């Protein structure tokens, strides 16, 4: 990266062909650094409070967040998804209420998925 872009900054010149050639490497570097950062300091945060739930996956405040509502009629279960690892479909946690379905957690360990689903189910039945 320094060889492509650093030399342009150092010279104070802009070379379009060299910059375009470096874009895939720049994109790959950003993706790789993002994955490494998530693996080092990333978190899963599931909050449930008074009929409202939120699933957050990310680093700090940057990440993926989905909200859902729940009541006594909400169904919590494990469901096969389109996500595959070594050509094997993975299960995800399904939260189904009258209006929407939310599936998450496909890349978690099976024990973690079962624990999270059971904890959510306990909260839902207590509402």
Protein backbone atom coordinates (compact mmCIF):
# COMPACT_ATOMS: atom_id res chain seq x y z
CA UNK A 1 0.00 0.00 0.00
CA UNK A 2 2.79 2.39 0.86
CA UNK A 3 4.49 1.66 -2.46
CA UNK A 4 1.38 2.58 -4.44
CA UNK A 5 -0.11 5.48 -2.49
CA UNK A 6 2.80 6.61 -0.30
CA UNK A 7 5.01 7.41 -3.26
CA UNK A 8 2.24 9.57 -4.76
CA UNK A 9 1.86 11.53 -1.52
CA UNK A 10 5.62 11.90 -1.18
CA UNK A 11 6.00 13.26 -4.73
CA UNK A 12 2.83 15.35 -4.53
CA UNK A 13 1.62 13.84 -7.81
CA UNK A 14 -1.46 11.79 -8.69
CA UNK A 15 -1.17 8.78 -11.03
CA UNK A 16 -4.66 7.55 -12.00
CA UNK A 17 -3.59 4.16 -13.35
CA UNK A 18 -1.46 3.39 -10.29
CA UNK A 19 -4.28 4.50 -7.96
CA UNK A 20 -6.86 2.36 -9.75
CA UNK A 21 -4.49 -0.62 -9.65
CA UNK A 22 -4.20 -0.22 -5.87
CA UNK A 23 -7.97 -0.06 -5.13
CA UNK A 24 -8.48 -3.85 -4.77
CA UNK A 25 -5.51 -4.01 -2.40
CA UNK A 26 -6.84 -1.06 -0.40
CA UNK A 27 -10.30 -2.66 -0.18
CA UNK A 28 -8.80 -6.01 0.85
CA UNK A 29 -6.70 -4.35 3.53
CA UNK A 30 -9.71 -2.52 5.00
CA UNK A 31 -11.78 -5.74 5.06
CA UNK A 32 -8.96 -7.77 6.61
CA UNK A 33 -8.27 -5.15 9.29
CA UNK A 34 -12.01 -4.96 10.08
CA UNK A 35 -12.20 -8.73 10.56
CA UNK A 36 -9.08 -8.77 12.73
CA UNK A 37 -10.45 -5.92 14.87
CA UNK A 38 -13.78 -7.73 15.36
CA UNK A 39 -12.02 -10.97 16.28
CA UNK A 40 -9.86 -9.16 18.84
CA UNK A 41 -12.34 -6.77 20.47
CA UNK A 42 -15.75 -7.44 18.90
CA UNK A 43 -18.86 -8.25 20.90
CA UNK A 44 -22.38 -9.64 20.74
CA UNK A 45 -24.90 -7.71 22.83
CA UNK A 46 -28.49 -8.88 23.20
CA UNK A 47 -30.78 -6.67 25.26
CA UNK A 48 -34.34 -7.48 26.29
CA UNK A 49 -36.51 -5.01 28.15
CA UNK A 50 -40.28 -4.58 28.44
CA UNK A 51 -41.27 -6.16 25.14
CA UNK A 52 -38.41 -4.68 23.11
CA UNK A 53 -35.28 -6.53 22.10
CA UNK A 54 -32.10 -5.60 20.29
CA UNK A 55 -29.28 -7.69 18.83
CA UNK A 56 -25.97 -5.87 18.27
CA UNK A 57 -22.81 -7.36 16.74
CA UNK A 58 -19.78 -5.15 16.29
CA UNK A 59 -16.89 -3.20 17.72
CA UNK A 60 -17.69 -0.28 19.99
CA UNK A 61 -20.65 1.50 18.42
CA UNK A 62 -19.88 0.32 14.87
CA UNK A 63 -21.69 -2.80 13.79
CA UNK A 64 -24.91 -4.59 12.89
CA UNK A 65 -27.99 -3.90 15.01
CA UNK A 66 -31.54 -5.25 14.66
CA UNK A 67 -34.51 -4.51 16.90
CA UNK A 68 -37.57 -6.65 17.51
CA UNK A 69 -40.64 -6.71 19.69
CA UNK A 70 -41.81 -9.67 21.71
CA UNK A 71 -44.82 -10.80 23.73
CA UNK A 72 -46.22 -14.08 25.05
CA UNK A 73 -47.15 -15.18 21.52
CA UNK A 74 -43.60 -14.75 20.17
CA UNK A 75 -41.98 -17.99 18.98
CA UNK A 76 -38.29 -18.62 19.71
CA UNK A 77 -36.69 -21.59 17.93
CA UNK A 78 -33.67 -22.84 16.01
CA UNK A 79 -33.98 -22.84 12.21
CA UNK A 80 -31.79 -23.91 9.31
CA UNK A 81 -30.51 -20.97 7.28
CA UNK A 82 -28.87 -20.36 3.91
CA UNK A 83 -25.50 -19.76 5.62
CA UNK A 84 -23.16 -22.67 4.91
CA UNK A 85 -19.85 -23.77 6.38
CA UNK A 86 -18.11 -26.51 4.37
CA UNK A 87 -21.35 -27.04 2.41
CA UNK A 88 -23.33 -27.69 5.62
CA UNK A 89 -26.27 -25.39 6.38
CA UNK A 90 -26.05 -23.69 9.75
CA UNK A 91 -28.83 -23.17 12.30
CA UNK A 92 -29.78 -19.71 13.48
CA UNK A 93 -31.93 -18.38 16.30
CA UNK A 94 -35.40 -17.47 14.99
CA UNK A 95 -37.54 -14.87 16.75
CA UNK A 96 -40.98 -14.86 15.13
CA UNK A 97 -43.81 -12.56 16.14
CA UNK A 98 -46.97 -11.57 14.30
CA UNK A 99 -45.27 -9.06 12.01
CA UNK A 100 -41.64 -10.08 11.46
CA UNK A 101 -39.03 -12.82 11.63
CA UNK A 102 -35.48 -12.22 12.85
CA UNK A 103 -32.80 -14.86 12.40
CA UNK A 104 -29.32 -14.34 13.85
CA UNK A 105 -26.39 -16.16 15.41
CA UNK A 106 -25.61 -18.55 12.55
CA UNK A 107 -21.86 -18.40 13.15
CA UNK A 108 -22.04 -18.98 16.92
CA UNK A 109 -21.28 -22.34 18.52
CA UNK A 110 -24.28 -24.63 18.91
CA UNK A 111 -24.15 -24.47 22.73
CA UNK A 112 -24.14 -20.66 22.63
CA UNK A 113 -27.14 -20.61 20.27
CA UNK A 114 -29.11 -22.92 22.56
CA UNK A 115 -28.23 -20.85 25.63
CA UNK A 116 -29.20 -17.56 23.97
CA UNK A 117 -32.46 -19.01 22.61
CA UNK A 118 -33.35 -20.38 26.06
CA UNK A 119 -32.58 -17.05 27.76
CA UNK A 120 -34.71 -15.14 25.27
CA UNK A 121 -37.51 -17.68 25.64
CA UNK A 122 -37.42 -17.30 29.43
CA UNK A 123 -37.74 -13.53 29.11
CA UNK A 124 -40.54 -13.80 26.53
CA UNK A 125 -42.59 -16.14 28.72
CA UNK A 126 -42.14 -13.76 31.67
CA UNK A 127 -43.70 -10.82 29.84
